[in-house]
Amino acid sequence: MSSMTEPTVERGATLAVASSAPLLVLMNYTVPMVTLPQTAASLGAGPTGPVWILGAIALGLSSLLLVSGGLADDYGRRRVLVAGTAVLAGASVVAAVSTSVPVFVVARLVQGAASAAMLAASLGIVGHAYPGGMERVRASGRYGAMMGLGTALGPLVSGALATVASWRAVYWLMAACALALAVVSARVLEESRSALPRRFDVPGVALLSLGVAALVVG
């Protein structure tokens, strides 16, 4: 009986941990939406400052999403997920203590890059744990539902913390949650990678990232 239930339990734990990544990423992505006036005023933002406060994370995420997927497949999905989550924690601390728009924007750019690594690696982990069939469909549905939940929770949590404390409080919360997820991921998840590793194409990666960044900035 135990031999039949243990793989199911292990895959359930894998799905729960991997699905926490998109939840955290989308929460973090949406947190400035309701606190933009307070954040801009606190950082002394000029006319274009609010645009960068909101959009910097999208630039970092979109520029490195495909690159992160390749790195996760070739060098280890758990490794990339743990690294990305740890970087998100550090960047969230920088965002929480920022005193100017440039520092905050750089922190959000790094958060975007870390989010790209988390999304690409966590989705690969789910795909490896559920290789096919209806179980994979259900697992993918649960994974996708975490994106919707994160999008809804981010502004709510951010607004509530800004009301009782400061707009900075939510970034401290994101840092703590990201650090916890990094530790749990390192302990719970098994390493996986592509059966056919590819050569890392540095010029291709640079051109792709710069091209996507140019589109997003435009």
N, C-alpha and C. Protein backbone atom coordinates (compact mmCIF):
# COMPACT_ATOMS: atom_id res chain seq x y z
N MET A 1 0.83 -1.20 0.00
CA MET A 1 0.00 0.00 0.00
C MET A 1 0.86 1.25 0.00
N SER A 2 1.94 1.24 0.81
CA SER A 2 2.80 2.42 0.91
C SER A 2 3.50 2.69 -0.40
N SER A 3 3.86 1.61 -1.16
CA SER A 3 4.55 1.82 -2.43
C SER A 3 3.65 2.49 -3.45
N MET A 4 2.32 2.34 -3.29
CA MET A 4 1.39 2.97 -4.22
C MET A 4 1.11 4.42 -3.84
N THR A 5 1.15 4.73 -2.57
CA THR A 5 0.80 6.08 -2.13
C THR A 5 1.98 7.02 -2.08
N GLU A 6 3.20 6.52 -1.84
CA GLU A 6 4.35 7.39 -1.67
C GLU A 6 4.63 8.23 -2.92
N PRO A 7 4.64 7.64 -4.15
CA PRO A 7 4.86 8.51 -5.33
C PRO A 7 3.81 9.59 -5.47
N THR A 8 2.55 9.27 -5.15
CA THR A 8 1.49 10.27 -5.23
C THR A 8 1.71 11.40 -4.24
N VAL A 9 2.10 11.03 -3.01
CA VAL A 9 2.39 12.04 -1.99
C VAL A 9 3.56 12.92 -2.41
N GLU A 10 4.62 12.29 -2.95
CA GLU A 10 5.79 13.05 -3.35
C GLU A 10 5.45 14.01 -4.50
N ARG A 11 4.66 13.53 -5.46
CA ARG A 11 4.28 14.41 -6.56
C ARG A 11 3.35 15.52 -6.09
N GLY A 12 2.50 15.21 -5.11
CA GLY A 12 1.64 16.25 -4.55
C GLY A 12 2.45 17.34 -3.87
N ALA A 13 3.50 16.94 -3.14
CA ALA A 13 4.37 17.92 -2.49
C ALA A 13 5.13 18.74 -3.53
N THR A 14 5.57 18.07 -4.59
CA THR A 14 6.26 18.77 -5.66
C THR A 14 5.36 19.82 -6.30
N LEU A 15 4.12 19.43 -6.57
CA LEU A 15 3.17 20.37 -7.18
C LEU A 15 2.88 21.53 -6.25
N ALA A 16 2.72 21.26 -4.96
CA ALA A 16 2.43 22.33 -4.01
C ALA A 16 3.57 23.34 -3.94
N VAL A 17 4.80 22.84 -3.88
CA VAL A 17 5.95 23.75 -3.79
C VAL A 17 6.15 24.49 -5.10
N ALA A 18 6.10 23.77 -6.23
CA ALA A 18 6.32 24.42 -7.53
C ALA A 18 5.23 25.44 -7.83
N SER A 19 3.99 25.16 -7.42
CA SER A 19 2.88 26.08 -7.67
C SER A 19 2.94 27.32 -6.78
N SER A 20 3.74 27.26 -5.72
CA SER A 20 3.92 28.45 -4.89
C SER A 20 4.72 29.52 -5.61
N ALA A 21 5.54 29.10 -6.59
CA ALA A 21 6.35 30.07 -7.32
C ALA A 21 5.50 31.05 -8.13
N PRO A 22 4.58 30.58 -8.99
CA PRO A 22 3.75 31.57 -9.71
C PRO A 22 2.86 32.39 -8.79
N LEU A 23 2.42 31.81 -7.69
CA LEU A 23 1.63 32.57 -6.72
C LEU A 23 2.43 33.75 -6.19
N LEU A 24 3.67 33.49 -5.78
CA LEU A 24 4.52 34.54 -5.24
C LEU A 24 4.91 35.55 -6.31
N VAL A 25 5.23 35.05 -7.51
CA VAL A 25 5.64 35.94 -8.60
C VAL A 25 4.53 36.91 -8.97
N LEU A 26 3.32 36.41 -9.13
CA LEU A 26 2.22 37.29 -9.55
C LEU A 26 1.78 38.22 -8.42
N MET A 27 1.86 37.78 -7.18
CA MET A 27 1.61 38.69 -6.07
C MET A 27 2.60 39.84 -6.11
N ASN A 28 3.88 39.51 -6.24
CA ASN A 28 4.91 40.53 -6.26
C ASN A 28 4.76 41.45 -7.48
N TYR A 29 4.35 40.87 -8.60
CA TYR A 29 4.19 41.64 -9.83
C TYR A 29 3.15 42.75 -9.66
N THR A 30 2.08 42.46 -8.92
CA THR A 30 0.95 43.39 -8.84
C THR A 30 0.95 44.28 -7.60
N VAL A 31 1.91 44.13 -6.70
CA VAL A 31 1.83 44.88 -5.44
C VAL A 31 1.89 46.40 -5.59
N PRO A 32 2.59 46.99 -6.60
CA PRO A 32 2.62 48.46 -6.65
C PRO A 32 1.34 49.10 -7.17
N MET A 33 0.42 48.32 -7.67
CA MET A 33 -0.72 48.90 -8.38
C MET A 33 -1.58 49.80 -7.50
N VAL A 34 -1.77 49.41 -6.25
CA VAL A 34 -2.63 50.21 -5.37
C VAL A 34 -1.83 51.17 -4.50
N THR A 35 -0.52 51.00 -4.45
CA THR A 35 0.30 51.88 -3.61
C THR A 35 1.16 52.83 -4.44
N LEU A 36 0.88 52.94 -5.74
CA LEU A 36 1.71 53.78 -6.61
C LEU A 36 1.79 55.22 -6.13
N PRO A 37 0.70 55.89 -5.74
CA PRO A 37 0.83 57.28 -5.29
C PRO A 37 1.75 57.43 -4.07
N GLN A 38 1.60 56.53 -3.08
CA GLN A 38 2.46 56.62 -1.90
C GLN A 38 3.92 56.32 -2.24
N THR A 39 4.12 55.31 -3.09
CA THR A 39 5.49 54.94 -3.47
C THR A 39 6.15 56.08 -4.24
N ALA A 40 5.46 56.65 -5.20
CA ALA A 40 6.03 57.73 -6.01
C ALA A 40 6.33 58.95 -5.15
N ALA A 41 5.43 59.28 -4.24
CA ALA A 41 5.67 60.44 -3.37
C ALA A 41 6.84 60.20 -2.44
N SER A 42 6.93 59.00 -1.88
CA SER A 42 8.01 58.69 -0.95
C SER A 42 9.38 58.70 -1.63
N LEU A 43 9.43 58.27 -2.89
CA LEU A 43 10.69 58.21 -3.61
C LEU A 43 11.01 59.49 -4.37
N GLY A 44 10.11 60.46 -4.32
CA GLY A 44 10.33 61.72 -5.02
C GLY A 44 10.31 61.56 -6.53
N ALA A 45 9.39 60.77 -7.04
CA ALA A 45 9.33 60.47 -8.47
C ALA A 45 8.89 61.69 -9.27
N GLY A 46 9.50 61.83 -10.44
CA GLY A 46 9.10 62.88 -11.36
C GLY A 46 7.96 62.41 -12.25
N PRO A 47 7.74 63.10 -13.38
CA PRO A 47 6.60 62.76 -14.25
C PRO A 47 6.66 61.34 -14.81
N THR A 48 7.86 60.85 -15.14
CA THR A 48 7.98 59.51 -15.72
C THR A 48 8.27 58.44 -14.66
N GLY A 49 8.50 58.86 -13.44
CA GLY A 49 8.83 57.90 -12.39
C GLY A 49 7.79 56.82 -12.18
N PRO A 50 6.50 57.18 -12.07
CA PRO A 50 5.49 56.15 -11.85
C PRO A 50 5.44 55.08 -12.94
N VAL A 51 5.73 55.48 -14.19
CA VAL A 51 5.74 54.51 -15.29
C VAL A 51 6.80 53.45 -15.05
N TRP A 52 7.99 53.88 -14.63
CA TRP A 52 9.07 52.93 -14.37
C TRP A 52 8.82 52.13 -13.10
N ILE A 53 8.20 52.74 -12.12
CA ILE A 53 7.88 52.01 -10.89
C ILE A 53 6.96 50.83 -11.20
N LEU A 54 6.01 51.05 -12.09
CA LEU A 54 5.08 49.99 -12.46
C LEU A 54 5.66 49.01 -13.47
N GLY A 55 6.42 49.51 -14.44
CA GLY A 55 6.79 48.68 -15.58
C GLY A 55 8.14 48.00 -15.51
N ALA A 56 8.97 48.34 -14.53
CA ALA A 56 10.33 47.80 -14.51
C ALA A 56 10.33 46.28 -14.38
N ILE A 57 9.44 45.74 -13.57
CA ILE A 57 9.44 44.29 -13.36
C ILE A 57 9.04 43.55 -14.64
N ALA A 58 8.14 44.14 -15.43
CA ALA A 58 7.75 43.52 -16.69
C ALA A 58 8.92 43.45 -17.65
N LEU A 59 9.76 44.46 -17.64
CA LEU A 59 10.93 44.48 -18.51
C LEU A 59 11.90 43.35 -18.14
N GLY A 60 12.19 43.21 -16.85
CA GLY A 60 13.09 42.15 -16.42
C GLY A 60 12.54 40.77 -16.69
N LEU A 61 11.25 40.59 -16.45
CA LEU A 61 10.63 39.27 -16.62
C LEU A 61 10.59 38.86 -18.09
N SER A 62 10.10 39.74 -18.93
CA SER A 62 9.94 39.38 -20.34
C SER A 62 11.28 39.18 -21.05
N SER A 63 12.29 39.93 -20.65
CA SER A 63 13.59 39.84 -21.31
C SER A 63 14.27 38.49 -21.06
N LEU A 64 14.04 37.90 -19.91
CA LEU A 64 14.80 36.70 -19.53
C LEU A 64 13.96 35.44 -19.38
N LEU A 65 12.68 35.49 -19.73
CA LEU A 65 11.82 34.33 -19.51
C LEU A 65 12.27 33.13 -20.35
N LEU A 66 12.47 33.34 -21.65
CA LEU A 66 12.90 32.24 -22.51
C LEU A 66 14.30 31.77 -22.17
N VAL A 67 15.17 32.70 -21.84
CA VAL A 67 16.54 32.35 -21.46
C VAL A 67 16.54 31.51 -20.19
N SER A 68 15.71 31.89 -19.24
CA SER A 68 15.65 31.14 -17.98
C SER A 68 15.16 29.71 -18.20
N GLY A 69 14.21 29.54 -19.13
CA GLY A 69 13.74 28.20 -19.43
C GLY A 69 14.85 27.32 -19.97
N GLY A 70 15.67 27.85 -20.85
CA GLY A 70 16.80 27.10 -21.38
C GLY A 70 17.81 26.75 -20.31
N LEU A 71 18.12 27.71 -19.43
CA LEU A 71 19.06 27.45 -18.35
C LEU A 71 18.53 26.38 -17.40
N ALA A 72 17.23 26.43 -17.10
CA ALA A 72 16.65 25.44 -16.19
C ALA A 72 16.71 24.05 -16.80
N ASP A 73 16.40 23.94 -18.08
CA ASP A 73 16.43 22.63 -18.74
C ASP A 73 17.84 22.06 -18.81
N ASP A 74 18.82 22.92 -19.00
CA ASP A 74 20.18 22.44 -19.22
C ASP A 74 20.98 22.26 -17.93
N TYR A 75 20.74 23.11 -16.94
CA TYR A 75 21.58 23.11 -15.75
C TYR A 75 20.83 22.70 -14.47
N GLY A 76 19.56 22.42 -14.57
CA GLY A 76 18.82 21.95 -13.39
C GLY A 76 17.70 22.89 -13.03
N ARG A 77 16.48 22.34 -13.04
CA ARG A 77 15.31 23.19 -12.77
C ARG A 77 15.24 23.60 -11.30
N ARG A 78 15.52 22.67 -10.40
CA ARG A 78 15.51 23.03 -8.99
C ARG A 78 16.57 24.09 -8.70
N ARG A 79 17.74 23.92 -9.27
CA ARG A 79 18.83 24.87 -9.05
C ARG A 79 18.43 26.27 -9.49
N VAL A 80 17.82 26.38 -10.67
CA VAL A 80 17.40 27.69 -11.17
C VAL A 80 16.27 28.26 -10.32
N LEU A 81 15.32 27.40 -9.90
CA LEU A 81 14.22 27.88 -9.06
C LEU A 81 14.74 28.42 -7.73
N VAL A 82 15.62 27.68 -7.09
CA VAL A 82 16.16 28.12 -5.79
C VAL A 82 16.95 29.41 -5.96
N ALA A 83 17.78 29.47 -7.01
CA ALA A 83 18.57 30.69 -7.24
C ALA A 83 17.67 31.88 -7.52
N GLY A 84 16.67 31.69 -8.37
CA GLY A 84 15.76 32.79 -8.67
C GLY A 84 15.00 33.27 -7.47
N THR A 85 14.55 32.33 -6.64
CA THR A 85 13.79 32.71 -5.44
C THR A 85 14.67 33.45 -4.45
N ALA A 86 15.91 33.02 -4.32
CA ALA A 86 16.84 33.71 -3.42
C ALA A 86 17.13 35.13 -3.92
N VAL A 87 17.29 35.28 -5.23
CA VAL A 87 17.52 36.62 -5.80
C VAL A 87 16.29 37.50 -5.59
N LEU A 88 15.11 36.91 -5.74
CA LEU A 88 13.89 37.69 -5.50
C LEU A 88 13.84 38.21 -4.06
N ALA A 89 14.25 37.37 -3.12
CA ALA A 89 14.28 37.80 -1.72
C ALA A 89 15.22 38.99 -1.52
N GLY A 90 16.41 38.88 -2.09
CA GLY A 90 17.37 39.98 -1.95
C GLY A 90 16.90 41.26 -2.61
N ALA A 91 16.34 41.14 -3.82
CA ALA A 91 15.85 42.32 -4.52
C ALA A 91 14.67 42.95 -3.80
N SER A 92 13.85 42.14 -3.14
CA SER A 92 12.72 42.67 -2.38
C SER A 92 13.20 43.49 -1.19
N VAL A 93 14.29 43.07 -0.57
CA VAL A 93 14.86 43.85 0.53
C VAL A 93 15.33 45.20 0.02
N VAL A 94 15.99 45.19 -1.15
CA VAL A 94 16.46 46.46 -1.73
C VAL A 94 15.27 47.36 -2.05
N ALA A 95 14.20 46.79 -2.59
CA ALA A 95 13.01 47.59 -2.88
C ALA A 95 12.42 48.18 -1.61
N ALA A 96 12.44 47.41 -0.53
CA ALA A 96 11.86 47.86 0.73
C ALA A 96 12.62 49.03 1.33
N VAL A 97 13.93 49.09 1.10
CA VAL A 97 14.74 50.15 1.73
C VAL A 97 15.10 51.25 0.74
N SER A 98 14.57 51.21 -0.47
CA SER A 98 14.92 52.20 -1.49
C SER A 98 14.53 53.61 -1.05
N THR A 99 15.38 54.56 -1.41
CA THR A 99 15.09 55.96 -1.10
C THR A 99 15.02 56.82 -2.36
N SER A 100 15.17 56.20 -3.53
CA SER A 100 15.09 56.95 -4.79
C SER A 100 14.49 56.05 -5.87
N VAL A 101 13.98 56.67 -6.91
CA VAL A 101 13.36 55.91 -8.00
C VAL A 101 14.37 55.01 -8.71
N PRO A 102 15.59 55.48 -9.04
CA PRO A 102 16.51 54.58 -9.74
C PRO A 102 16.82 53.30 -8.96
N VAL A 103 17.02 53.42 -7.65
CA VAL A 103 17.31 52.22 -6.85
C VAL A 103 16.11 51.28 -6.85
N PHE A 104 14.93 51.85 -6.70
CA PHE A 104 13.73 51.02 -6.68
C PHE A 104 13.52 50.34 -8.03
N VAL A 105 13.74 51.08 -9.12
CA VAL A 105 13.55 50.52 -10.46
C VAL A 105 14.54 49.38 -10.71
N VAL A 106 15.78 49.55 -10.32
CA VAL A 106 16.76 48.47 -10.48
C VAL A 106 16.35 47.24 -9.67
N ALA A 107 15.85 47.47 -8.46
CA ALA A 107 15.39 46.35 -7.64
C ALA A 107 14.24 45.62 -8.32
N ARG A 108 13.32 46.36 -8.91
CA ARG A 108 12.20 45.73 -9.61
C ARG A 108 12.65 45.03 -10.89
N LEU A 109 13.65 45.58 -11.58
CA LEU A 109 14.21 44.89 -12.74
C LEU A 109 14.79 43.53 -12.34
N VAL A 110 15.52 43.52 -11.24
CA VAL A 110 16.11 42.27 -10.76
C VAL A 110 15.01 41.31 -10.30
N GLN A 111 13.98 41.85 -9.67
CA GLN A 111 12.84 41.01 -9.30
C GLN A 111 12.22 40.37 -10.54
N GLY A 112 12.13 41.12 -11.63
CA GLY A 112 11.59 40.57 -12.86
C GLY A 112 12.44 39.44 -13.41
N ALA A 113 13.75 39.62 -13.39
CA ALA A 113 14.65 38.56 -13.85
C ALA A 113 14.53 37.32 -12.98
N ALA A 114 14.46 37.53 -11.67
CA ALA A 114 14.28 36.41 -10.75
C ALA A 114 12.94 35.72 -10.97
N SER A 115 11.91 36.51 -11.23
CA SER A 115 10.58 35.94 -11.49
C SER A 115 10.58 35.09 -12.75
N ALA A 116 11.32 35.51 -13.77
CA ALA A 116 11.42 34.72 -14.99
C ALA A 116 12.02 33.35 -14.70
N ALA A 117 13.08 33.33 -13.89
CA ALA A 117 13.70 32.06 -13.52
C ALA A 117 12.73 31.18 -12.73
N MET A 118 11.99 31.78 -11.83
CA MET A 118 11.05 31.01 -11.01
C MET A 118 9.93 30.41 -11.85
N LEU A 119 9.37 31.20 -12.77
CA LEU A 119 8.26 30.71 -13.59
C LEU A 119 8.72 29.59 -14.52
N ALA A 120 9.83 29.83 -15.22
CA ALA A 120 10.31 28.83 -16.18
C ALA A 120 10.69 27.53 -15.49
N ALA A 121 11.42 27.63 -14.38
CA ALA A 121 11.88 26.43 -13.70
C ALA A 121 10.73 25.68 -13.04
N SER A 122 9.82 26.39 -12.40
CA SER A 122 8.73 25.72 -11.70
C SER A 122 7.79 25.01 -12.66
N LEU A 123 7.53 25.62 -13.82
CA LEU A 123 6.68 24.95 -14.81
C LEU A 123 7.37 23.70 -15.36
N GLY A 124 8.68 23.77 -15.55
CA GLY A 124 9.42 22.59 -15.97
C GLY A 124 9.39 21.49 -14.93
N ILE A 125 9.42 21.85 -13.67
CA ILE A 125 9.36 20.87 -12.58
C ILE A 125 8.02 20.16 -12.58
N VAL A 126 6.95 20.92 -12.77
CA VAL A 126 5.61 20.31 -12.83
C VAL A 126 5.51 19.38 -14.03
N GLY A 127 6.02 19.82 -15.18
CA GLY A 127 5.97 18.98 -16.37
C GLY A 127 6.76 17.69 -16.22
N HIS A 128 7.88 17.76 -15.49
CA HIS A 128 8.68 16.56 -15.26
C HIS A 128 7.98 15.61 -14.29
N ALA A 129 7.32 16.15 -13.27
CA ALA A 129 6.64 15.32 -12.28
C ALA A 129 5.38 14.67 -12.86
N TYR A 130 4.75 15.37 -13.81
CA TYR A 130 3.51 14.86 -14.43
C TYR A 130 3.74 14.80 -15.94
N PRO A 131 4.33 13.71 -16.44
CA PRO A 131 4.73 13.66 -17.84
C PRO A 131 3.60 13.63 -18.85
N GLY A 132 2.40 13.23 -18.48
CA GLY A 132 1.32 13.18 -19.46
C GLY A 132 0.00 12.73 -18.87
N GLY A 133 -1.03 12.73 -19.70
CA GLY A 133 -2.34 12.24 -19.28
C GLY A 133 -3.14 13.28 -18.53
N MET A 134 -4.26 12.82 -17.97
CA MET A 134 -5.15 13.71 -17.24
C MET A 134 -4.51 14.28 -15.98
N GLU A 135 -3.60 13.53 -15.38
CA GLU A 135 -2.93 14.05 -14.18
C GLU A 135 -2.14 15.31 -14.51
N ARG A 136 -1.53 15.31 -15.67
CA ARG A 136 -0.77 16.51 -16.08
C ARG A 136 -1.72 17.67 -16.35
N VAL A 137 -2.86 17.37 -16.96
CA VAL A 137 -3.85 18.42 -17.22
C VAL A 137 -4.32 19.04 -15.90
N ARG A 138 -4.63 18.20 -14.92
CA ARG A 138 -5.08 18.71 -13.62
C ARG A 138 -3.98 19.49 -12.92
N ALA A 139 -2.75 18.96 -12.98
CA ALA A 139 -1.63 19.65 -12.35
C ALA A 139 -1.39 21.01 -13.00
N SER A 140 -1.47 21.07 -14.33
CA SER A 140 -1.28 22.34 -15.03
C SER A 140 -2.39 23.33 -14.69
N GLY A 141 -3.61 22.82 -14.50
CA GLY A 141 -4.72 23.68 -14.11
C GLY A 141 -4.50 24.29 -12.74
N ARG A 142 -4.01 23.48 -11.81
CA ARG A 142 -3.74 24.00 -10.46
C ARG A 142 -2.60 25.00 -10.49
N TYR A 143 -1.60 24.70 -11.29
CA TYR A 143 -0.48 25.63 -11.42
C TYR A 143 -0.97 26.97 -11.97
N GLY A 144 -1.78 26.91 -13.04
CA GLY A 144 -2.30 28.14 -13.63
C GLY A 144 -3.21 28.91 -12.70
N ALA A 145 -3.96 28.18 -11.86
CA ALA A 145 -4.86 28.85 -10.92
C ALA A 145 -4.09 29.71 -9.93
N MET A 146 -2.86 29.30 -9.61
CA MET A 146 -2.05 30.07 -8.68
C MET A 146 -1.67 31.43 -9.27
N MET A 147 -1.57 31.50 -10.59
CA MET A 147 -1.30 32.80 -11.23
C MET A 147 -2.47 33.75 -11.02
N GLY A 148 -3.68 33.24 -11.25
CA GLY A 148 -4.86 34.08 -11.03
C GLY A 148 -4.99 34.49 -9.58
N LEU A 149 -4.72 33.55 -8.67
CA LEU A 149 -4.82 33.87 -7.25
C LEU A 149 -3.78 34.92 -6.85
N GLY A 150 -2.57 34.78 -7.36
CA GLY A 150 -1.53 35.76 -7.04
C GLY A 150 -1.87 37.14 -7.56
N THR A 151 -2.43 37.20 -8.77
CA THR A 151 -2.84 38.49 -9.35
C THR A 151 -3.90 39.17 -8.50
N ALA A 152 -4.81 38.37 -7.94
CA ALA A 152 -5.87 38.94 -7.10
C ALA A 152 -5.36 39.33 -5.72
N LEU A 153 -4.47 38.52 -5.15
CA LEU A 153 -4.01 38.76 -3.78
C LEU A 153 -3.01 39.90 -3.67
N GLY A 154 -2.19 40.09 -4.70
CA GLY A 154 -1.14 41.10 -4.62
C GLY A 154 -1.64 42.48 -4.23
N PRO A 155 -2.57 43.06 -4.98
CA PRO A 155 -3.06 44.40 -4.61
C PRO A 155 -3.77 44.42 -3.26
N LEU A 156 -4.48 43.33 -2.93
CA LEU A 156 -5.19 43.30 -1.65
C LEU A 156 -4.22 43.32 -0.47
N VAL A 157 -3.21 42.47 -0.55
CA VAL A 157 -2.22 42.41 0.53
C VAL A 157 -1.43 43.70 0.61
N SER A 158 -1.02 44.22 -0.55
CA SER A 158 -0.26 45.46 -0.57
C SER A 158 -1.05 46.62 0.02
N GLY A 159 -2.31 46.73 -0.39
CA GLY A 159 -3.14 47.81 0.13
C GLY A 159 -3.38 47.70 1.62
N ALA A 160 -3.61 46.48 2.11
CA ALA A 160 -3.85 46.28 3.53
C ALA A 160 -2.62 46.63 4.36
N LEU A 161 -1.43 46.20 3.90
CA LEU A 161 -0.20 46.50 4.64
C LEU A 161 0.14 47.99 4.58
N ALA A 162 -0.16 48.63 3.44
CA ALA A 162 0.09 50.07 3.35
C ALA A 162 -0.80 50.85 4.29
N THR A 163 -2.01 50.33 4.53
CA THR A 163 -2.94 51.01 5.43
C THR A 163 -2.49 50.93 6.88
N VAL A 164 -2.00 49.76 7.29
CA VAL A 164 -1.63 49.57 8.69
C VAL A 164 -0.17 49.90 8.97
N ALA A 165 0.67 49.93 7.93
CA ALA A 165 2.09 50.19 8.15
C ALA A 165 2.63 51.17 7.10
N SER A 166 3.14 50.64 5.98
CA SER A 166 3.74 51.46 4.94
C SER A 166 3.73 50.68 3.64
N TRP A 167 3.91 51.38 2.52
CA TRP A 167 4.00 50.69 1.23
C TRP A 167 5.20 49.77 1.19
N ARG A 168 6.18 50.02 2.04
CA ARG A 168 7.39 49.19 2.07
C ARG A 168 7.15 47.82 2.71
N ALA A 169 6.10 47.72 3.52
CA ALA A 169 5.89 46.49 4.29
C ALA A 169 5.70 45.28 3.41
N VAL A 170 5.02 45.44 2.28
CA VAL A 170 4.74 44.30 1.43
C VAL A 170 6.03 43.73 0.83
N TYR A 171 7.03 44.57 0.61
CA TYR A 171 8.29 44.07 0.06
C TYR A 171 9.07 43.28 1.11
N TRP A 172 8.97 43.67 2.36
CA TRP A 172 9.54 42.84 3.43
C TRP A 172 8.84 41.49 3.49
N LEU A 173 7.52 41.50 3.30
CA LEU A 173 6.77 40.24 3.29
C LEU A 173 7.19 39.38 2.11
N MET A 174 7.34 39.97 0.93
CA MET A 174 7.77 39.22 -0.24
C MET A 174 9.16 38.62 -0.02
N ALA A 175 10.04 39.37 0.61
CA ALA A 175 11.38 38.86 0.88
C ALA A 175 11.33 37.64 1.81
N ALA A 176 10.52 37.72 2.85
CA ALA A 176 10.41 36.60 3.78
C ALA A 176 9.81 35.37 3.11
N CYS A 177 8.77 35.58 2.31
CA CYS A 177 8.12 34.46 1.61
C CYS A 177 9.06 33.84 0.59
N ALA A 178 9.81 34.66 -0.14
CA ALA A 178 10.73 34.14 -1.13
C ALA A 178 11.85 33.34 -0.48
N LEU A 179 12.36 33.84 0.63
CA LEU A 179 13.42 33.11 1.33
C LEU A 179 12.90 31.76 1.83
N ALA A 180 11.69 31.75 2.38
CA ALA A 180 11.10 30.50 2.85
C ALA A 180 10.91 29.52 1.70
N LEU A 181 10.45 30.01 0.54
CA LEU A 181 10.23 29.14 -0.60
C LEU A 181 11.56 28.58 -1.12
N ALA A 182 12.61 29.38 -1.10
CA ALA A 182 13.92 28.89 -1.53
C ALA A 182 14.39 27.73 -0.66
N VAL A 183 14.21 27.88 0.64
CA VAL A 183 14.64 26.82 1.57
C VAL A 183 13.81 25.56 1.36
N VAL A 184 12.50 25.71 1.27
CA VAL A 184 11.62 24.55 1.08
C VAL A 184 11.89 23.88 -0.27
N SER A 185 12.10 24.66 -1.31
CA SER A 185 12.38 24.09 -2.63
C SER A 185 13.66 23.26 -2.62
N ALA A 186 14.69 23.78 -1.96
CA ALA A 186 15.96 23.06 -1.89
C ALA A 186 15.82 21.74 -1.14
N ARG A 187 14.91 21.69 -0.17
CA ARG A 187 14.75 20.48 0.65
C ARG A 187 13.77 19.48 0.04
N VAL A 188 12.73 19.96 -0.62
CA VAL A 188 11.63 19.08 -1.04
C VAL A 188 11.77 18.61 -2.49
N LEU A 189 12.19 19.48 -3.38
CA LEU A 189 12.16 19.18 -4.80
C LEU A 189 13.36 18.33 -5.22
N GLU A 190 13.12 17.43 -6.17
CA GLU A 190 14.19 16.67 -6.78
C GLU A 190 14.72 17.43 -7.99
N GLU A 191 16.00 17.24 -8.26
CA GLU A 191 16.59 17.90 -9.41
C GLU A 191 16.16 17.20 -10.70
N SER A 192 15.94 17.98 -11.74
CA SER A 192 15.62 17.43 -13.06
C SER A 192 16.18 18.37 -14.11
N ARG A 193 16.47 17.81 -15.27
CA ARG A 193 16.98 18.60 -16.40
C ARG A 193 16.66 17.88 -17.69
N SER A 194 16.88 18.55 -18.79
CA SER A 194 16.60 17.98 -20.09
C SER A 194 17.54 16.81 -20.38
N ALA A 195 17.02 15.80 -21.06
CA ALA A 195 17.84 14.64 -21.42
C ALA A 195 18.86 14.99 -22.50
N LEU A 196 18.63 16.07 -23.23
CA LEU A 196 19.52 16.49 -24.31
C LEU A 196 19.97 17.92 -24.06
N PRO A 197 21.00 18.13 -23.24
CA PRO A 197 21.47 19.50 -22.97
C PRO A 197 22.00 20.15 -24.23
N ARG A 198 21.83 21.48 -24.28
CA ARG A 198 22.26 22.24 -25.44
C ARG A 198 23.39 23.19 -25.07
N ARG A 199 24.16 23.58 -26.06
CA ARG A 199 25.22 24.56 -25.84
C ARG A 199 24.60 25.92 -25.56
N PHE A 200 25.15 26.61 -24.56
CA PHE A 200 24.63 27.92 -24.19
C PHE A 200 25.06 28.94 -25.22
N ASP A 201 24.10 29.49 -25.94
CA ASP A 201 24.35 30.43 -27.04
C ASP A 201 24.37 31.86 -26.50
N VAL A 202 25.56 32.32 -26.15
CA VAL A 202 25.69 33.65 -25.54
C VAL A 202 25.25 34.76 -26.49
N PRO A 203 25.72 34.80 -27.75
CA PRO A 203 25.24 35.87 -28.66
C PRO A 203 23.73 35.82 -28.87
N GLY A 204 23.20 34.60 -29.03
CA GLY A 204 21.75 34.48 -29.21
C GLY A 204 20.97 34.97 -28.02
N VAL A 205 21.45 34.62 -26.82
CA VAL A 205 20.79 35.05 -25.59
C VAL A 205 20.82 36.57 -25.49
N ALA A 206 21.98 37.17 -25.78
CA ALA A 206 22.11 38.62 -25.69
C ALA A 206 21.18 39.32 -26.68
N LEU A 207 21.14 38.84 -27.91
CA LEU A 207 20.28 39.45 -28.92
C LEU A 207 18.80 39.29 -28.56
N LEU A 208 18.42 38.11 -28.11
CA LEU A 208 17.03 37.88 -27.74
C LEU A 208 16.60 38.79 -26.59
N SER A 209 17.43 38.84 -25.55
CA SER A 209 17.10 39.64 -24.37
C SER A 209 17.02 41.12 -24.72
N LEU A 210 17.98 41.61 -25.52
CA LEU A 210 17.97 43.02 -25.89
C LEU A 210 16.77 43.34 -26.80
N GLY A 211 16.43 42.41 -27.68
CA GLY A 211 15.31 42.65 -28.57
C GLY A 211 13.98 42.73 -27.82
N VAL A 212 13.78 41.78 -26.91
CA VAL A 212 12.56 41.80 -26.11
C VAL A 212 12.52 43.03 -25.22
N ALA A 213 13.67 43.38 -24.63
CA ALA A 213 13.73 44.57 -23.79
C ALA A 213 13.38 45.82 -24.57
N ALA A 214 13.86 45.91 -25.81
CA ALA A 214 13.56 47.08 -26.64
C ALA A 214 12.06 47.19 -26.93
N LEU A 215 11.43 46.06 -27.19
CA LEU A 215 10.00 46.06 -27.44
C LEU A 215 9.22 46.52 -26.21
N VAL A 216 9.61 45.97 -25.05
CA VAL A 216 8.89 46.31 -23.81
C VAL A 216 9.08 47.79 -23.46
N VAL A 217 10.32 48.27 -23.58
CA VAL A 217 10.59 49.68 -23.28
C VAL A 217 9.79 50.59 -24.22
N GLY A 218 9.75 50.19 -25.52
CA GLY A 218 9.00 50.98 -26.49
C GLY A 218 7.53 51.05 -26.14
